[in-house]
Structure formats: structure tokens, C-alpha cells
Amino acid sequence: MSEVVGYGRVSSQGQSLAVQDEKLTAFGCTRIYSEKKSGRQQDNRPQFQACLEFLREGDMLVITRLDRMARSVLDLAKIADVLKRKGVTLKVLDQSIDTSTSEGKLMFSLLGAFAEFECDIRAERQSDGIAKAKAVGVKFGRKKALSVEQIGRIKILRDEEGMSVPDIAKRFGVGVATIYRSFT
């Protein structure tokens, strides 16, 4: 049997869940999950995670506003995907969104497209920033463990003086694997 499940959230301890709880109860939610937590990280909201785990195919998740469930379009798209895969519809009371209708499904498809666009723009900006930084000489990644001169000396120690790799590693203060990588 399908259930109407509500979720309410306020960001700080000073705020009250009473208004959201009243709206969710008035709508007919048989089970309400609520918490006083920041919505920045979905993983940091145990009641929301419990709510998602509880929902089954045919259930309806009811919230008062979209920002109670997600902080970004990307986060919203991820949650919408989870709900869609589970066969759960979403009803947003204050924003007249209902994914059980064609208009609601269209709205969520548009939100998904915007999320993908937002992600692409972010990746493009990141690539541009990295390219600019490299152009002015910024180095990325970990510093090389051995200089070119040290690698030359290592090859001499091994090939001409017959020193073992573990002894060379101790002498240069690096791991054995680093010495082996220097031979390639």
C-alpha cells in the first residue's frame, strides 16, 4: 500500500518546524521525517536519508518548498533521479510542483537539464582557470621526489657501482618504488 510521506527541514536550531509539520499533516502525510540541519550536504541529513530509504514504489514524498530538500539544482536533480528510479512521486506544496502530472514531470526534466548545464559550465570554468594558472607557471600536483641530477646519480650508483635498490632508497630518503620508477 502506498504512503504519503512528508519531509520538513529548518537550517538552524532557532527555527521552528511547526509550520511545515502543520502543512504536511493537513495534506495527509501519514509519516513525517523532520530535522534541524543545514541542507548543504545531503549526506549530513540523517532524517532525509532515512526518508529516502523508507520510500517505496508508488509512494509520494511531500515537501513544503524545494529548498527544504535541496540546496542546488544539481543536488535536486540527483534526488529527483533517486525518486524516479524508486517510482516515487514528489509534491511541493508551496510551489505547485507534482511529478505525478505531465507538467510536474516536464518541470523536473527542465531542472535536470539546468543541472547538467550548471555542471558543464563549472567544468569549463575550472579548465579555464587551470589553463590560466599553468600559463603563469603554477605547478599542479605533488613535488617530484627526485631531481634530474639525482636520477642521473642513482643510475650511476646502480649500474656502475652495483649498489642495491634498497640501499639507494635509504641514501636518497625515498621509497624503493620511487627508485624503480626513476629507471623508466
C-alpha atoms as a PDB file:
ATOM      1  CA  MET A   1       0.000   0.000   0.000  1.00  0.00           C
ATOM      2  CA  SER A   2       1.428   3.373  -0.992  1.00  0.00           C
ATOM      3  CA  GLU A   3       2.072   6.056   1.591  1.00  0.00           C
ATOM      4  CA  VAL A   4       2.172   9.822   1.601  1.00  0.00           C
ATOM      5  CA  VAL A   5       5.424  10.720   3.343  1.00  0.00           C
ATOM      6  CA  GLY A   6       6.420  14.224   4.395  1.00  0.00           C
ATOM      7  CA  TYR A   7       9.834  15.778   4.912  1.00  0.00           C
ATOM      8  CA  GLY A   8      10.493  19.052   6.691  1.00  0.00           C
ATOM      9  CA  ARG A   9      13.732  20.813   7.495  1.00  0.00           C
ATOM     10  CA  VAL A  10      14.891  24.058   9.050  1.00  0.00           C
ATOM     11  CA  SER A  11      18.505  25.184   8.876  1.00  0.00           C
ATOM     12  CA  SER A  12      19.115  26.265  12.442  1.00  0.00           C
ATOM     13  CA  GLN A  13      18.106  25.313  15.949  1.00  0.00           C
ATOM     14  CA  GLY A  14      16.344  28.671  16.434  1.00  0.00           C
ATOM     15  CA  GLN A  15      13.816  27.997  13.668  1.00  0.00           C
ATOM     16  CA  SER A  16      10.598  26.051  14.121  1.00  0.00           C
ATOM     17  CA  LEU A  17       9.330  23.072  12.136  1.00  0.00           C
ATOM     18  CA  ALA A  18       5.756  23.670  13.321  1.00  0.00           C
ATOM     19  CA  VAL A  19       4.519  25.454  10.160  1.00  0.00           C
ATOM     20  CA  GLN A  20       5.941  22.777   7.850  1.00  0.00           C
ATOM     21  CA  ASP A  21       4.625  19.956  10.044  1.00  0.00           C
ATOM     22  CA  GLU A  22       1.135  21.516  10.039  1.00  0.00           C
ATOM     23  CA  LYS A  23       1.096  21.797   6.227  1.00  0.00           C
ATOM     24  CA  LEU A  24       2.358  18.232   5.796  1.00  0.00           C
ATOM     25  CA  THR A  25      -0.196  16.867   8.260  1.00  0.00           C
ATOM     26  CA  ALA A  26      -3.015  18.876   6.640  1.00  0.00           C
ATOM     27  CA  PHE A  27      -2.061  17.437   3.243  1.00  0.00           C
ATOM     28  CA  GLY A  28      -2.454  13.930   4.654  1.00  0.00           C
ATOM     29  CA  CYS A  29       1.083  12.721   5.277  1.00  0.00           C
ATOM     30  CA  THR A  30       0.951   9.508   7.278  1.00  0.00           C
ATOM     31  CA  ARG A  31       4.640   9.666   8.193  1.00  0.00           C
ATOM     32  CA  ILE A  32       6.763  12.812   8.589  1.00  0.00           C
ATOM     33  CA  TYR A  33      10.541  13.000   8.759  1.00  0.00           C
ATOM     34  CA  SER A  34      11.925  16.297  10.020  1.00  0.00           C
ATOM     35  CA  GLU A  35      15.213  17.725  11.200  1.00  0.00           C
ATOM     36  CA  LYS A  36      17.037  20.877  12.180  1.00  0.00           C
ATOM     37  CA  LYS A  37      20.135  20.664   9.994  1.00  0.00           C
ATOM     38  CA  SER A  38      21.818  22.659   7.276  1.00  0.00           C
ATOM     39  CA  GLY A  39      20.806  21.433   3.831  1.00  0.00           C
ATOM     40  CA  ARG A  40      24.255  21.946   2.336  1.00  0.00           C
ATOM     41  CA  GLN A  41      25.168  18.288   2.410  1.00  0.00           C
ATOM     42  CA  GLN A  42      22.564  15.661   1.658  1.00  0.00           C
ATOM     43  CA  ASP A  43      24.701  13.027   3.405  1.00  0.00           C
ATOM     44  CA  ASN A  44      24.678  15.079   6.612  1.00  0.00           C
ATOM     45  CA  ARG A  45      20.888  14.837   6.993  1.00  0.00           C
ATOM     46  CA  PRO A  46      20.103  11.508   8.671  1.00  0.00           C
ATOM     47  CA  GLN A  47      16.322  12.022   8.650  1.00  0.00           C
ATOM     48  CA  PHE A  48      16.346  12.796   4.925  1.00  0.00           C
ATOM     49  CA  GLN A  49      18.435   9.681   4.276  1.00  0.00           C
ATOM     50  CA  ALA A  50      16.008   7.625   6.396  1.00  0.00           C
ATOM     51  CA  CYS A  51      13.103   9.113   4.439  1.00  0.00           C
ATOM     52  CA  LEU A  52      14.672   8.177   1.087  1.00  0.00           C
ATOM     53  CA  GLU A  53      15.374   4.653   2.342  1.00  0.00           C
ATOM     54  CA  PHE A  54      11.784   4.242   3.572  1.00  0.00           C
ATOM     55  CA  LEU A  55      10.107   5.330   0.321  1.00  0.00           C
ATOM     56  CA  ARG A  56       8.796   2.535  -1.902  1.00  0.00           C
ATOM     57  CA  GLU A  57       7.347   2.376  -5.395  1.00  0.00           C
ATOM     58  CA  GLY A  58       4.001   4.166  -5.550  1.00  0.00           C
ATOM     59  CA  ASP A  59       4.704   6.374  -2.509  1.00  0.00           C
ATOM     60  CA  MET A  60       4.542  10.167  -2.633  1.00  0.00           C
ATOM     61  CA  LEU A  61       7.121  12.427  -0.986  1.00  0.00           C
ATOM     62  CA  VAL A  62       5.641  15.750   0.104  1.00  0.00           C
ATOM     63  CA  ILE A  63       7.685  18.830   0.997  1.00  0.00           C
ATOM     64  CA  THR A  64       6.649  22.434   1.524  1.00  0.00           C
ATOM     65  CA  ARG A  65       9.364  24.058  -0.635  1.00  0.00           C
ATOM     66  CA  LEU A  66      12.143  22.746  -2.888  1.00  0.00           C
ATOM     67  CA  ASP A  67      14.850  24.449  -0.823  1.00  0.00           C
ATOM     68  CA  ARG A  68      13.864  22.255   2.142  1.00  0.00           C
ATOM     69  CA  MET A  69      15.064  19.229   0.178  1.00  0.00           C
ATOM     70  CA  ALA A  70      17.945  20.507  -1.987  1.00  0.00           C
ATOM     71  CA  ARG A  71      20.383  23.430  -1.977  1.00  0.00           C
ATOM     72  CA  SER A  72      21.346  23.416  -5.657  1.00  0.00           C
ATOM     73  CA  VAL A  73      19.836  22.416  -8.960  1.00  0.00           C
ATOM     74  CA  LEU A  74      22.446  19.680  -9.214  1.00  0.00           C
ATOM     75  CA  ASP A  75      21.524  18.299  -5.782  1.00  0.00           C
ATOM     76  CA  LEU A  76      17.849  18.481  -6.727  1.00  0.00           C
ATOM     77  CA  ALA A  77      18.476  16.583  -9.957  1.00  0.00           C
ATOM     78  CA  LYS A  78      20.280  13.813  -8.052  1.00  0.00           C
ATOM     79  CA  ILE A  79      17.415  13.494  -5.582  1.00  0.00           C
ATOM     80  CA  ALA A  80      14.849  13.570  -8.389  1.00  0.00           C
ATOM     81  CA  ASP A  81      16.735  10.745 -10.099  1.00  0.00           C
ATOM     82  CA  VAL A  82      16.646   8.650  -6.902  1.00  0.00           C
ATOM     83  CA  LEU A  83      12.900   9.255  -6.564  1.00  0.00           C
ATOM     84  CA  LYS A  84      12.276   8.424 -10.224  1.00  0.00           C
ATOM     85  CA  ARG A  85      14.257   5.165 -10.000  1.00  0.00           C
ATOM     86  CA  LYS A  86      12.268   4.172  -6.907  1.00  0.00           C
ATOM     87  CA  GLY A  87       8.941   5.023  -8.581  1.00  0.00           C
ATOM     88  CA  VAL A  88       8.164   7.762  -6.036  1.00  0.00           C
ATOM     89  CA  THR A  89       6.316  10.951  -6.961  1.00  0.00           C
ATOM     90  CA  LEU A  90       7.139  14.343  -5.467  1.00  0.00           C
ATOM     91  CA  LYS A  91       4.676  17.019  -4.392  1.00  0.00           C
ATOM     92  CA  VAL A  92       5.924  20.506  -3.436  1.00  0.00           C
ATOM     93  CA  LEU A  93       3.067  22.272  -1.658  1.00  0.00           C
ATOM     94  CA  ASP A  94       4.135  25.940  -1.803  1.00  0.00           C
ATOM     95  CA  GLN A  95       5.414  25.758  -5.387  1.00  0.00           C
ATOM     96  CA  SER A  96       2.677  23.714  -7.065  1.00  0.00           C
ATOM     97  CA  ILE A  97       5.011  21.008  -8.345  1.00  0.00           C
ATOM     98  CA  ASP A  98       3.638  17.487  -8.643  1.00  0.00           C
ATOM     99  CA  THR A  99       5.613  14.857 -10.561  1.00  0.00           C
ATOM    100  CA  SER A 100       2.553  12.644 -10.867  1.00  0.00           C
ATOM    101  CA  THR A 101       1.329  15.080 -13.564  1.00  0.00           C
ATOM    102  CA  SER A 102       2.825  15.692 -17.015  1.00  0.00           C
ATOM    103  CA  GLU A 103       3.549  19.323 -16.116  1.00  0.00           C
ATOM    104  CA  GLY A 104       5.416  18.234 -12.991  1.00  0.00           C
ATOM    105  CA  LYS A 105       7.468  15.728 -14.962  1.00  0.00           C
ATOM    106  CA  LEU A 106       8.286  18.444 -17.510  1.00  0.00           C
ATOM    107  CA  MET A 107       9.385  20.781 -14.732  1.00  0.00           C
ATOM    108  CA  PHE A 108      11.714  18.143 -13.335  1.00  0.00           C
ATOM    109  CA  SER A 109      13.124  17.373 -16.780  1.00  0.00           C
ATOM    110  CA  LEU A 110      13.908  21.066 -17.177  1.00  0.00           C
ATOM    111  CA  LEU A 111      15.539  21.146 -13.752  1.00  0.00           C
ATOM    112  CA  GLY A 112      17.671  18.169 -14.767  1.00  0.00           C
ATOM    113  CA  ALA A 113      18.739  19.944 -17.954  1.00  0.00           C
ATOM    114  CA  PHE A 114      19.674  23.046 -15.955  1.00  0.00           C
ATOM    115  CA  ALA A 115      21.663  20.899 -13.534  1.00  0.00           C
ATOM    116  CA  GLU A 116      23.628  19.351 -16.373  1.00  0.00           C
ATOM    117  CA  PHE A 117      24.218  22.812 -17.862  1.00  0.00           C
ATOM    118  CA  GLU A 118      25.406  24.113 -14.470  1.00  0.00           C
ATOM    119  CA  CYS A 119      27.819  21.188 -14.166  1.00  0.00           C
ATOM    120  CA  ASP A 120      29.202  21.745 -17.691  1.00  0.00           C
ATOM    121  CA  ILE A 121      29.721  25.468 -17.038  1.00  0.00           C
ATOM    122  CA  ARG A 122      31.516  24.712 -13.772  1.00  0.00           C
ATOM    123  CA  ALA A 123      33.835  22.202 -15.501  1.00  0.00           C
ATOM    124  CA  GLU A 124      34.557  24.702 -18.286  1.00  0.00           C
ATOM    125  CA  ARG A 125      35.429  27.443 -15.791  1.00  0.00           C
ATOM    126  CA  GLN A 126      37.658  25.043 -13.891  1.00  0.00           C
ATOM    127  CA  SER A 127      39.522  24.088 -17.087  1.00  0.00           C
ATOM    128  CA  ASP A 128      39.957  27.767 -17.980  1.00  0.00           C
ATOM    129  CA  GLY A 129      41.305  28.506 -14.505  1.00  0.00           C
ATOM    130  CA  ILE A 130      43.785  25.633 -14.675  1.00  0.00           C
ATOM    131  CA  ALA A 131      44.980  26.728 -18.128  1.00  0.00           C
ATOM    132  CA  LYS A 132      45.497  30.323 -16.919  1.00  0.00           C
ATOM    133  CA  ALA A 133      47.384  29.139 -13.848  1.00  0.00           C
ATOM    134  CA  LYS A 134      49.650  26.898 -15.935  1.00  0.00           C
ATOM    135  CA  ALA A 135      50.307  29.801 -18.325  1.00  0.00           C
ATOM    136  CA  VAL A 136      51.755  31.851 -15.455  1.00  0.00           C
ATOM    137  CA  GLY A 137      53.862  28.952 -14.192  1.00  0.00           C
ATOM    138  CA  VAL A 138      51.752  27.423 -11.431  1.00  0.00           C
ATOM    139  CA  LYS A 139      52.660  23.771 -10.922  1.00  0.00           C
ATOM    140  CA  PHE A 140      49.955  21.263 -10.039  1.00  0.00           C
ATOM    141  CA  GLY A 141      50.318  18.008  -8.209  1.00  0.00           C
ATOM    142  CA  ARG A 142      52.910  16.709  -5.852  1.00  0.00           C
ATOM    143  CA  LYS A 143      56.513  17.907  -5.986  1.00  0.00           C
ATOM    144  CA  LYS A 144      58.891  15.465  -7.693  1.00  0.00           C
ATOM    145  CA  ALA A 145      60.673  13.249  -5.169  1.00  0.00           C
ATOM    146  CA  LEU A 146      63.904  13.227  -7.183  1.00  0.00           C
ATOM    147  CA  SER A 147      65.566  15.847  -9.357  1.00  0.00           C
ATOM    148  CA  VAL A 148      67.014  15.074 -12.789  1.00  0.00           C
ATOM    149  CA  GLU A 149      70.507  15.234 -11.271  1.00  0.00           C
ATOM    150  CA  GLN A 150      69.557  12.770  -8.521  1.00  0.00           C
ATOM    151  CA  ILE A 151      68.103  10.350 -11.068  1.00  0.00           C
ATOM    152  CA  GLY A 152      71.381  10.502 -13.006  1.00  0.00           C
ATOM    153  CA  ARG A 153      73.347   9.788  -9.822  1.00  0.00           C
ATOM    154  CA  ILE A 154      71.012   6.859  -8.965  1.00  0.00           C
ATOM    155  CA  LYS A 155      71.647   5.245 -12.346  1.00  0.00           C
ATOM    156  CA  ILE A 156      75.401   5.558 -11.820  1.00  0.00           C
ATOM    157  CA  LEU A 157      75.165   4.066  -8.312  1.00  0.00           C
ATOM    158  CA  ARG A 158      73.196   1.092  -9.564  1.00  0.00           C
ATOM    159  CA  ASP A 159      74.808   0.427 -12.953  1.00  0.00           C
ATOM    160  CA  GLU A 160      78.444   1.340 -12.316  1.00  0.00           C
ATOM    161  CA  GLU A 161      78.867   0.893  -8.580  1.00  0.00           C
ATOM    162  CA  GLY A 162      76.448  -2.050  -8.217  1.00  0.00           C
ATOM    163  CA  MET A 163      74.577  -0.574  -5.229  1.00  0.00           C
ATOM    164  CA  SER A 164      71.289  -2.298  -4.345  1.00  0.00           C
ATOM    165  CA  VAL A 165      67.966  -0.506  -4.807  1.00  0.00           C
ATOM    166  CA  PRO A 166      67.106  -0.601  -1.055  1.00  0.00           C
ATOM    167  CA  ASP A 167      70.491   0.984  -0.227  1.00  0.00           C
ATOM    168  CA  ILE A 168      69.975   3.682  -2.867  1.00  0.00           C
ATOM    169  CA  ALA A 169      66.481   4.370  -1.488  1.00  0.00           C
ATOM    170  CA  LYS A 170      67.902   4.822   2.025  1.00  0.00           C
ATOM    171  CA  ARG A 171      70.635   7.126   0.772  1.00  0.00           C
ATOM    172  CA  PHE A 172      68.137   9.413  -1.017  1.00  0.00           C
ATOM    173  CA  GLY A 173      65.432   9.161   1.646  1.00  0.00           C
ATOM    174  CA  VAL A 174      62.754   7.812  -0.680  1.00  0.00           C
ATOM    175  CA  GLY A 175      60.890   4.549  -1.105  1.00  0.00           C
ATOM    176  CA  VAL A 176      62.112   1.617  -3.152  1.00  0.00           C
ATOM    177  CA  ALA A 177      59.245   2.095  -5.632  1.00  0.00           C
ATOM    178  CA  THR A 178      60.420   5.666  -6.295  1.00  0.00           C
ATOM    179  CA  ILE A 179      63.862   4.349  -7.220  1.00  0.00           C
ATOM    180  CA  TYR A 180      62.386   1.734  -9.563  1.00  0.00           C
ATOM    181  CA  ARG A 181      60.188   4.397 -11.215  1.00  0.00           C
ATOM    182  CA  SER A 182      63.271   6.526 -11.844  1.00  0.00           C
ATOM    183  CA  PHE A 183      64.650   3.777 -14.121  1.00  0.00           C
ATOM    184  CA  THR A 184      61.783   4.133 -16.614  1.00  0.00           C
END
